[in-house]
C-alpha atoms as a PDB file:
ATOM      1  CA  MET A   1       5.153  10.517  -3.215  1.00  0.00           C
ATOM      2  CA  GLY A   2       7.637   7.877  -4.632  1.00  0.00           C
ATOM      3  CA  LEU A   3       5.002   5.083  -5.012  1.00  0.00           C
ATOM      4  CA  ARG A   4       4.074   2.908  -8.255  1.00  0.00           C
ATOM      5  CA  VAL A   5       1.772   0.000  -8.705  1.00  0.00           C
ATOM      6  CA  LEU A   6       3.741  -3.064  -8.667  1.00  0.00           C
ATOM      7  CA  ALA A   7       1.729  -5.250 -11.169  1.00  0.00           C
ATOM      8  CA  GLU A   8       2.303  -3.884 -14.767  1.00  0.00           C
ATOM      9  CA  GLU A   9      -0.855  -2.872 -16.879  1.00  0.00           C
ATOM     10  CA  GLY A  10      -2.135  -5.780 -18.682  1.00  0.00           C
ATOM     11  CA  GLY A  11      -0.229  -8.053 -15.978  1.00  0.00           C
ATOM     12  CA  LEU A  12      -1.022 -10.182 -13.306  1.00  0.00           C
ATOM     13  CA  ARG A  13      -3.238  -7.562 -11.482  1.00  0.00           C
ATOM     14  CA  SER A  14      -5.642  -8.624  -8.531  1.00  0.00           C
ATOM     15  CA  ASN A  15      -9.050  -7.360  -8.155  1.00  0.00           C
ATOM     16  CA  THR A  16      -8.817  -7.436  -4.331  1.00  0.00           C
ATOM     17  CA  VAL A  17      -5.174  -6.243  -3.298  1.00  0.00           C
ATOM     18  CA  THR A  18      -3.030  -3.592  -4.660  1.00  0.00           C
ATOM     19  CA  ALA A  19       0.928  -3.905  -4.252  1.00  0.00           C
ATOM     20  CA  VAL A  20       2.480  -0.625  -4.022  1.00  0.00           C
ATOM     21  CA  LEU A  21       6.448  -0.537  -4.694  1.00  0.00           C
ATOM     22  CA  LEU A  22       8.399   2.226  -3.039  1.00  0.00           C
ATOM     23  CA  ASP A  23      11.484   3.972  -4.475  1.00  0.00           C
ATOM     24  CA  ARG A  24      13.484   3.105  -1.424  1.00  0.00           C
ATOM     25  CA  GLU A  25      13.192   0.822   1.664  1.00  0.00           C
ATOM     26  CA  GLY A  26      10.771   1.560   4.243  1.00  0.00           C
ATOM     27  CA  ALA A  27       7.562  -0.213   3.658  1.00  0.00           C
ATOM     28  CA  GLY A  28       7.276  -1.523   7.443  1.00  0.00           C
ATOM     29  CA  GLU A  29       7.688   1.914   8.813  1.00  0.00           C
ATOM     30  CA  ILE A  30       4.883   2.938   6.252  1.00  0.00           C
ATOM     31  CA  VAL A  31       2.686   0.346   7.688  1.00  0.00           C
ATOM     32  CA  LYS A  32       3.403   0.943  11.250  1.00  0.00           C
ATOM     33  CA  ARG A  33       2.729   4.643  10.983  1.00  0.00           C
ATOM     34  CA  SER A  34      -0.479   3.847   9.103  1.00  0.00           C
ATOM     35  CA  MET A  35      -1.884   1.846  11.543  1.00  0.00           C
ATOM     36  CA  GLU A  36      -1.350   4.440  14.493  1.00  0.00           C
ATOM     37  CA  LEU A  37      -3.522   6.808  12.119  1.00  0.00           C
ATOM     38  CA  GLY A  38      -6.233   4.071  12.008  1.00  0.00           C
ATOM     39  CA  ILE A  39      -5.462   2.487   8.205  1.00  0.00           C
ATOM     40  CA  GLU A  40      -4.205  -0.852   8.014  1.00  0.00           C
ATOM     41  CA  PHE A  41      -2.016  -1.813   5.293  1.00  0.00           C
ATOM     42  CA  ALA A  42       0.545  -5.082   5.106  1.00  0.00           C
ATOM     43  CA  THR A  43       4.000  -5.637   4.192  1.00  0.00           C
ATOM     44  CA  GLY A  44       4.434  -7.769   1.172  1.00  0.00           C
ATOM     45  CA  PRO A  45       5.898 -11.348   1.627  1.00  0.00           C
ATOM     46  CA  HIS A  46       8.286 -11.404  -1.506  1.00  0.00           C
ATOM     47  CA  PRO A  47      11.738 -11.874  -0.323  1.00  0.00           C
ATOM     48  CA  ALA A  48      13.501  -9.907  -3.263  1.00  0.00           C
ATOM     49  CA  LEU A  49      11.544  -7.092  -2.306  1.00  0.00           C
ATOM     50  CA  ARG A  50      11.616  -7.022   1.316  1.00  0.00           C
ATOM     51  CA  ASP A  51      10.772  -3.813   2.911  1.00  0.00           C
ATOM     52  CA  ARG A  52      10.140  -2.245  -0.621  1.00  0.00           C
ATOM     53  CA  TYR A  53       6.532  -2.956  -0.787  1.00  0.00           C
ATOM     54  CA  PHE A  54       3.158  -2.840   1.008  1.00  0.00           C
ATOM     55  CA  ARG A  55      -0.363  -4.142   0.030  1.00  0.00           C
ATOM     56  CA  ILE A  56      -3.624  -2.169   0.041  1.00  0.00           C
ATOM     57  CA  GLY A  57      -6.560  -4.561   0.549  1.00  0.00           C
ATOM     58  CA  HIS A  58      -9.807  -3.664  -1.390  1.00  0.00           C
ATOM     59  CA  MET A  59     -12.367  -6.413  -1.276  1.00  0.00           C
ATOM     60  CA  GLY A  60     -15.602  -6.351   0.292  1.00  0.00           C
ATOM     61  CA  TRP A  61     -17.408  -3.424   1.304  1.00  0.00           C
ATOM     62  CA  VAL A  62     -15.204  -0.602   0.332  1.00  0.00           C
ATOM     63  CA  GLN A  63     -16.528   3.042  -0.097  1.00  0.00           C
ATOM     64  CA  GLU A  64     -15.066   6.172  -2.005  1.00  0.00           C
ATOM     65  CA  LYS A  65     -14.698   7.564   1.444  1.00  0.00           C
ATOM     66  CA  ASP A  66     -12.532   4.609   2.632  1.00  0.00           C
ATOM     67  CA  ALA A  67     -10.144   5.176  -0.258  1.00  0.00           C
ATOM     68  CA  PHE A  68      -9.827   8.793   0.439  1.00  0.00           C
ATOM     69  CA  ALA A  69      -9.119   8.098   3.851  1.00  0.00           C
ATOM     70  CA  ALA A  70      -6.255   5.516   2.603  1.00  0.00           C
ATOM     71  CA  LEU A  71      -4.663   7.992   0.461  1.00  0.00           C
ATOM     72  CA  SER A  72      -4.766  10.904   3.049  1.00  0.00           C
ATOM     73  CA  VAL A  73      -2.897   8.579   5.453  1.00  0.00           C
ATOM     74  CA  LEU A  74      -0.620   7.555   2.728  1.00  0.00           C
ATOM     75  CA  ARG A  75       0.246  11.131   1.938  1.00  0.00           C
ATOM     76  CA  ARG A  76       0.804  11.779   5.712  1.00  0.00           C
ATOM     77  CA  VAL A  77       3.373   8.931   6.550  1.00  0.00           C
ATOM     78  CA  VAL A  78       5.095   8.852   3.053  1.00  0.00           C
ATOM     79  CA  SER A  79       5.892  12.632   2.895  1.00  0.00           C
END
């Protein structure tokens, strides 16, 4: 899908949010299209990576089915 986790293994990874880096611009469009399908992601605030990454929140009560739903929507909107 052209996605990778922004934080490097062993680096400054978060337990509550994952930043996903695209191989091109278009994070805003991914967030918008995902919202239309009922899954909410957020664009990232880092100015050097503007529109190249988005964030997936996973704090609180997140179940396996939530992860599958998010990945399913990502597959649809990124492809």
